[in-house]
Amino acid sequence: MSGAKNLGKLVLSHKRDEWLQSVPLYKRTTERSYAAALKVSHGFLHNLKKKGRLRTHTSTNHPSLTSNHKLARLKWALGHIHPIPPVGDLTFMDMQQVIHIDEKWFYMNPETRRFYLLLKEENPYRFQQSKRYKIKAMFMWMIGKPLYDINGNMLHDGKYGIFPFTYQQRAKKKSKNRDVGVLETKAVQSVTKEKIRKMPHQIPRDEEFIAACIANGNIQMVFQPVQSSDLNVLDLGLFKVIQSLQYQSFLTTIDELIEKVYEAYEWFNLIVNKYTWITLQSVMKKILEKEGGNNFNPPHMARKDQINAEYSQMEVDAD
């Protein structure tokens, strides 16, 4: 008798799942719109969520991939593994001599920010002069794997530097913020090949850059596959961490933005860097499984409890 009851519950549960999935995704963005489509109260859905029958998911757009993009991603992933053994799992090359370089815009303040407030605490007031003109600066980043000796002692933390695309010029007019002739920091708004050449990298086809590489130890510069930010450790870890730390303050000038980004870069932890490279290997495994596709979320191989503890301590030290 109990077996029949369990079977009945299983069938009922399966039918309920089919009923819940019958609503198109675009109508499942809020509890109220979802409930309206099912013709039930939103409290009913809220209870299902509390019982673990429903979950929320934040969806992000993935770069669009053509068949050529997928092929390039497959070749890239295969180029970073040792020949596949007849028995056992694949193993990756250590990438110890690899440095990832990329550029990213950092904004002084995000459009929206989340705060934890007391019930009677007044909502913070934030403003900006123009929504079209936002104070920002582009930075070039260089990151590699941490280097250790044979005894496990760290030789280098893998942080090779950050370089802001900025310049200084003297103010031509007096304003309420500074006198005429005072040096002002300006962000480069148009990053051209000439601007990049002044930084520590250039496109591989640039003859001047190639000559400099050969003269300094036959350094090779290679492009990662296009539409593949998931193959760069900077996008997998460092950028998000730096931005999160940078946003823990209210900034008012471009100089403060640069200072805060440098400070956040110094805080970027050795442990996080180490596990981000492990995440990169996991991403390449996923690319092989998906035949070059990107229909997956980057797996997180880091020990989150340890990383969170590290950054909690950093925030305490900063305060």
Protein backbone atom coordinates (compact mmCIF):
# COMPACT_ATOMS: atom_id res chain seq x y z
CA MET A 1 0.00 0.00 0.00
CA SER A 2 2.80 2.39 0.90
CA GLY A 3 4.45 1.68 -2.47
CA ALA A 4 1.28 2.71 -4.30
CA LYS A 5 1.12 5.94 -2.29
CA ASN A 6 4.74 6.78 -3.10
CA LEU A 7 4.10 6.09 -6.78
CA GLY A 8 1.06 8.35 -6.66
CA LYS A 9 3.08 11.14 -5.07
CA LEU A 10 5.79 10.73 -7.73
CA VAL A 11 3.26 10.97 -10.56
CA LEU A 12 1.62 14.02 -8.93
CA SER A 13 5.01 15.69 -8.49
CA HIS A 14 5.89 15.02 -12.13
CA LYS A 15 2.58 16.48 -13.33
CA ARG A 16 3.10 19.56 -11.15
CA ASP A 17 6.57 20.05 -12.64
CA GLU A 18 5.10 19.86 -16.15
CA TRP A 19 2.45 22.39 -15.13
CA LEU A 20 5.04 24.77 -13.69
CA GLN A 21 7.26 24.45 -16.78
CA SER A 22 4.35 25.11 -19.14
CA VAL A 23 4.73 28.88 -18.56
CA PRO A 24 7.16 30.57 -21.01
CA LEU A 25 10.38 31.86 -19.44
CA TYR A 26 9.60 35.50 -20.27
CA LYS A 27 6.59 35.25 -17.94
CA ARG A 28 8.70 33.76 -15.15
CA THR A 29 10.72 36.86 -14.31
CA THR A 30 8.78 37.75 -11.12
CA GLU A 31 6.62 35.77 -8.71
CA ARG A 32 3.56 37.86 -9.57
CA SER A 33 3.85 37.48 -13.37
CA TYR A 34 4.58 33.75 -12.97
CA ALA A 35 1.60 33.31 -10.64
CA ALA A 36 -0.68 35.27 -12.97
CA ALA A 37 0.23 32.95 -15.86
CA LEU A 38 -0.59 29.90 -13.68
CA LYS A 39 -3.71 31.60 -12.26
CA VAL A 40 -2.57 31.04 -8.66
CA SER A 41 -1.54 33.39 -5.86
CA HIS A 42 2.08 34.53 -5.75
CA GLY A 43 2.17 33.18 -2.17
CA PHE A 44 1.75 29.68 -3.59
CA LEU A 45 4.93 30.09 -5.64
CA HIS A 46 6.72 31.66 -2.69
CA ASN A 47 5.98 28.56 -0.62
CA LEU A 48 7.28 26.30 -3.38
CA LYS A 49 10.49 28.34 -3.39
CA LYS A 50 10.84 27.98 0.39
CA LYS A 51 10.38 24.21 0.05
CA GLY A 52 13.13 24.02 -2.54
CA ARG A 53 10.84 23.19 -5.46
CA LEU A 54 11.68 26.44 -7.29
CA ARG A 55 14.90 28.41 -7.52
CA THR A 56 15.90 31.81 -8.86
CA HIS A 57 18.53 32.15 -11.55
CA THR A 58 20.24 35.23 -12.95
CA SER A 59 20.82 34.73 -16.65
CA THR A 60 23.56 36.53 -18.56
CA ASN A 61 24.17 36.78 -22.29
CA HIS A 62 27.03 34.72 -23.71
CA PRO A 63 29.10 35.87 -26.70
CA SER A 64 27.64 34.63 -29.97
CA LEU A 65 29.78 31.89 -31.53
CA THR A 66 30.04 30.76 -35.13
CA SER A 67 31.37 27.35 -36.17
CA ASN A 68 34.78 28.97 -36.81
CA HIS A 69 34.76 30.46 -33.30
CA LYS A 70 34.01 27.04 -31.81
CA LEU A 71 36.77 25.41 -33.84
CA ALA A 72 39.29 28.02 -32.66
CA ARG A 73 38.23 27.47 -29.04
CA LEU A 74 38.65 23.69 -29.43
CA LYS A 75 42.14 24.12 -30.92
CA TRP A 76 43.08 26.51 -28.11
CA ALA A 77 41.96 24.12 -25.38
CA LEU A 78 43.65 21.13 -27.04
CA GLY A 79 46.84 23.16 -27.37
CA HIS A 80 47.05 23.46 -23.58
CA ILE A 81 46.83 19.77 -22.67
CA HIS A 82 49.37 16.97 -22.79
CA PRO A 83 48.72 14.15 -25.27
CA ILE A 84 45.67 12.27 -23.98
CA PRO A 85 46.78 8.99 -22.36
CA PRO A 86 45.01 5.72 -23.24
CA VAL A 87 44.03 5.40 -19.57
CA GLY A 88 43.32 8.18 -17.09
CA ASP A 89 42.24 11.81 -17.23
CA LEU A 90 43.76 14.50 -19.40
CA THR A 91 46.37 16.76 -17.82
CA PHE A 92 47.14 20.39 -18.59
CA MET A 93 50.45 22.05 -19.29
CA ASP A 94 51.49 24.10 -16.27
CA MET A 95 51.30 27.48 -18.14
CA GLN A 96 53.99 28.67 -15.76
CA GLN A 97 55.57 30.89 -18.42
CA VAL A 98 52.24 32.35 -19.58
CA ILE A 99 51.14 35.90 -18.76
CA HIS A 100 47.64 37.10 -19.57
CA ILE A 101 47.26 40.71 -20.69
CA ASP A 102 44.03 42.60 -21.17
CA GLU A 103 42.46 46.05 -20.91
CA LYS A 104 39.35 47.10 -19.05
CA TRP A 105 37.44 50.29 -18.34
CA PHE A 106 36.88 51.03 -14.66
CA TYR A 107 34.12 53.48 -13.74
CA MET A 108 34.26 55.72 -10.72
CA ASN A 109 30.82 54.62 -9.52
CA PRO A 110 28.39 52.00 -10.82
CA GLU A 111 24.92 53.00 -11.95
CA THR A 112 23.31 51.06 -9.09
CA ARG A 113 24.74 49.99 -5.74
CA ARG A 114 23.39 47.81 -2.95
CA PHE A 115 23.63 48.81 0.71
CA TYR A 116 22.50 47.27 3.98
CA LEU A 117 20.57 49.89 5.95
CA LEU A 118 18.71 50.04 9.23
CA LEU A 119 14.92 50.20 9.00
CA LYS A 120 14.75 53.90 9.86
CA GLU A 121 18.01 54.87 8.19
CA GLU A 122 17.69 57.39 5.37
CA ASN A 123 18.37 56.14 1.85
CA PRO A 124 21.79 57.31 0.59
CA TYR A 125 21.68 60.11 -1.97
CA ARG A 126 23.96 59.66 -4.97
CA PHE A 127 24.29 61.96 -7.96
CA GLN A 128 26.30 62.54 -11.12
CA GLN A 129 26.57 65.48 -13.46
CA SER A 130 25.60 63.54 -16.58
CA LYS A 131 24.50 60.00 -17.35
CA ARG A 132 26.23 60.22 -20.72
CA TYR A 133 29.56 61.38 -19.32
CA LYS A 134 30.89 59.09 -16.62
CA ILE A 135 34.33 59.42 -15.09
CA LYS A 136 36.29 56.33 -16.09
CA ALA A 137 39.79 55.16 -16.93
CA MET A 138 41.14 52.22 -18.89
CA PHE A 139 43.79 50.03 -17.32
CA MET A 140 46.05 47.40 -18.84
CA TRP A 141 46.61 44.37 -16.60
CA MET A 142 49.29 41.67 -16.59
CA ILE A 143 48.84 38.54 -14.51
CA GLY A 144 50.62 35.18 -14.44
CA LYS A 145 50.65 32.09 -12.24
CA PRO A 146 52.38 32.35 -8.85
CA LEU A 147 55.94 30.99 -9.02
CA TYR A 148 57.35 28.64 -6.36
CA ASP A 149 60.74 27.01 -5.83
CA ILE A 150 61.23 23.26 -5.31
CA ASN A 151 60.64 23.68 -1.58
CA GLY A 152 57.27 25.37 -2.05
CA ASN A 153 58.49 28.87 -1.25
CA MET A 154 56.86 31.63 -3.32
CA LEU A 155 59.21 33.39 -5.70
CA HIS A 156 56.65 35.67 -7.37
CA ASP A 157 52.94 36.24 -6.74
CA GLY A 158 52.09 36.43 -10.45
CA LYS A 159 51.16 40.12 -10.40
CA TYR A 160 53.24 41.82 -13.09
CA GLY A 161 51.61 45.22 -13.00
CA ILE A 162 48.76 47.49 -14.01
CA PHE A 163 49.08 50.49 -16.29
CA PRO A 164 46.41 53.23 -16.54
CA PHE A 165 45.81 54.93 -19.88
CA THR A 166 46.11 58.44 -18.46
CA TYR A 167 48.14 61.59 -19.01
CA GLN A 168 48.65 64.91 -17.25
CA GLN A 169 48.16 68.40 -18.60
CA ARG A 170 48.06 71.85 -17.07
CA ALA A 171 44.65 73.45 -16.55
CA LYS A 172 44.08 76.25 -19.04
CA LYS A 173 41.28 77.88 -17.08
CA LYS A 174 40.56 78.48 -13.44
CA SER A 175 37.63 76.65 -11.86
CA LYS A 176 36.16 76.14 -8.40
CA ASN A 177 38.20 72.92 -8.09
CA ARG A 178 41.66 74.12 -9.17
CA ASP A 179 43.70 77.11 -10.27
CA VAL A 180 44.99 77.75 -13.77
CA GLY A 181 48.28 75.92 -14.48
CA VAL A 182 47.65 73.08 -12.03
CA LEU A 183 48.47 69.62 -13.39
CA GLU A 184 45.34 67.57 -14.04
CA THR A 185 45.08 63.83 -14.66
CA LYS A 186 43.13 62.99 -17.80
CA ALA A 187 41.96 59.58 -19.01
CA VAL A 188 42.77 58.58 -22.58
CA GLN A 189 39.37 58.19 -24.25
CA SER A 190 40.57 56.80 -27.58
CA VAL A 191 43.05 53.92 -27.22
CA THR A 192 44.98 53.75 -30.52
CA LYS A 193 47.88 51.55 -31.61
CA GLU A 194 50.31 54.33 -30.75
CA LYS A 195 48.87 54.57 -27.25
CA ILE A 196 49.12 50.79 -26.77
CA ARG A 197 52.72 50.78 -28.02
CA LYS A 198 53.64 52.98 -25.06
CA MET A 199 52.32 50.20 -22.82
CA PRO A 200 54.06 46.82 -22.39
CA HIS A 201 52.35 45.01 -25.27
CA GLN A 202 51.39 45.33 -28.90
CA ILE A 203 49.68 43.26 -31.54
CA PRO A 204 51.81 40.33 -32.82
CA ARG A 205 51.92 41.69 -36.40
CA ASP A 206 53.58 44.93 -35.31
CA GLU A 207 57.19 44.78 -36.60
CA GLU A 208 58.55 47.10 -33.92
CA PHE A 209 56.96 44.97 -31.22
CA ILE A 210 58.27 41.70 -32.73
CA ALA A 211 61.82 43.11 -32.80
CA ALA A 212 61.56 44.11 -29.14
CA CYS A 213 60.33 40.62 -28.20
CA ILE A 214 63.22 38.88 -29.98
CA ALA A 215 65.72 41.25 -28.38
CA ASN A 216 64.41 40.42 -24.91
CA GLY A 217 64.41 36.63 -24.89
CA ASN A 218 62.15 35.63 -27.78
CA ILE A 219 58.90 36.58 -26.05
CA GLN A 220 55.89 35.47 -28.06
CA MET A 221 52.61 37.35 -28.22
CA VAL A 222 49.53 35.37 -29.24
CA PHE A 223 45.86 36.22 -29.58
CA GLN A 224 43.29 34.21 -27.68
CA PRO A 225 40.25 33.09 -29.68
CA VAL A 226 37.77 35.91 -30.29
CA GLN A 227 34.48 35.94 -28.40
CA SER A 228 36.25 34.01 -25.62
CA SER A 229 36.57 36.12 -22.49
CA ASP A 230 36.12 32.88 -20.52
CA LEU A 231 39.64 31.87 -21.59
CA ASN A 232 41.31 34.82 -19.85
CA VAL A 233 42.09 34.60 -16.13
CA LEU A 234 41.61 38.37 -15.85
CA ASP A 235 37.93 38.04 -16.80
CA LEU A 236 37.55 34.86 -14.74
CA GLY A 237 38.69 36.41 -11.49
CA LEU A 238 40.81 39.52 -11.16
CA PHE A 239 38.51 42.08 -12.80
CA LYS A 240 35.52 41.13 -10.64
CA VAL A 241 37.55 41.12 -7.43
CA ILE A 242 39.22 44.47 -8.19
CA GLN A 243 35.91 46.09 -9.12
CA SER A 244 34.25 44.77 -5.97
CA LEU A 245 37.01 46.20 -3.78
CA GLN A 246 37.12 49.48 -5.70
CA TYR A 247 33.39 50.03 -5.18
CA GLN A 248 33.80 49.88 -1.40
CA SER A 249 34.40 53.62 -1.36
CA PHE A 250 32.88 56.82 -2.72
CA LEU A 251 35.20 58.48 -5.22
CA THR A 252 35.05 61.99 -6.65
CA THR A 253 38.09 62.41 -8.95
CA ILE A 254 40.00 60.44 -11.57
CA ASP A 255 43.07 60.47 -9.29
CA GLU A 256 41.07 58.83 -6.51
CA LEU A 257 39.82 56.21 -8.97
CA ILE A 258 43.37 55.34 -10.05
CA GLU A 259 44.57 55.23 -6.46
CA LYS A 260 41.72 52.95 -5.40
CA VAL A 261 42.26 50.57 -8.34
CA TYR A 262 45.96 50.34 -7.49
CA GLU A 263 45.06 49.68 -3.86
CA ALA A 264 42.59 46.95 -4.83
CA TYR A 265 45.23 45.38 -7.09
CA GLU A 266 47.65 45.20 -4.16
CA TRP A 267 44.94 43.48 -2.14
CA PHE A 268 44.36 40.87 -4.87
CA ASN A 269 45.29 37.69 -3.10
CA LEU A 270 47.77 34.98 -4.04
CA ILE A 271 45.23 32.26 -3.20
CA VAL A 272 42.58 33.77 -5.48
CA ASN A 273 45.13 34.05 -8.30
CA LYS A 274 46.17 30.42 -7.87
CA TYR A 275 42.62 29.07 -7.99
CA THR A 276 41.64 31.29 -10.91
CA TRP A 277 44.18 29.44 -13.05
CA ILE A 278 42.62 26.16 -11.90
CA THR A 279 39.24 27.57 -12.95
CA LEU A 280 40.73 28.31 -16.38
CA GLN A 281 41.65 24.63 -16.77
CA SER A 282 38.13 23.65 -15.79
CA VAL A 283 36.72 26.05 -18.40
CA MET A 284 38.86 24.43 -21.10
CA LYS A 285 37.50 21.01 -20.09
CA LYS A 286 33.98 22.39 -20.49
CA ILE A 287 34.87 23.76 -23.93
CA LEU A 288 36.00 20.29 -24.99
CA GLU A 289 32.80 18.76 -23.59
CA LYS A 290 30.63 21.35 -25.41
CA GLU A 291 32.57 20.94 -28.68
CA GLY A 292 33.82 24.52 -28.55
CA GLY A 293 30.59 26.03 -27.28
CA ASN A 294 30.10 28.38 -24.34
CA ASN A 295 26.69 27.21 -23.11
CA PHE A 296 27.93 26.74 -19.56
CA ASN A 297 28.71 28.86 -16.54
CA PRO A 298 32.42 29.06 -15.63
CA PRO A 299 32.99 26.41 -12.93
CA HIS A 300 34.39 27.74 -9.66
CA MET A 301 37.18 25.53 -8.41
CA ALA A 302 38.41 27.87 -5.69
CA ARG A 303 37.91 27.17 -2.02
CA LYS A 304 35.31 29.86 -1.43
CA ASP A 305 35.43 29.66 2.35
CA GLN A 306 39.15 30.33 2.38
CA ILE A 307 38.96 33.16 -0.18
CA ASN A 308 36.04 34.81 1.62
CA ALA A 309 37.95 34.68 4.88
CA GLU A 310 40.96 36.32 3.22
CA TYR A 311 38.92 39.20 1.81
CA SER A 312 36.91 39.68 4.98
CA GLN A 313 40.18 40.22 6.77
CA MET A 314 41.29 42.67 4.05
CA GLU A 315 38.13 44.73 4.54
CA VAL A 316 38.74 44.82 8.32
CA ASP A 317 42.34 45.93 7.74
CA ALA A 318 41.15 48.61 5.29
CA ASP A 319 38.66 50.00 7.82
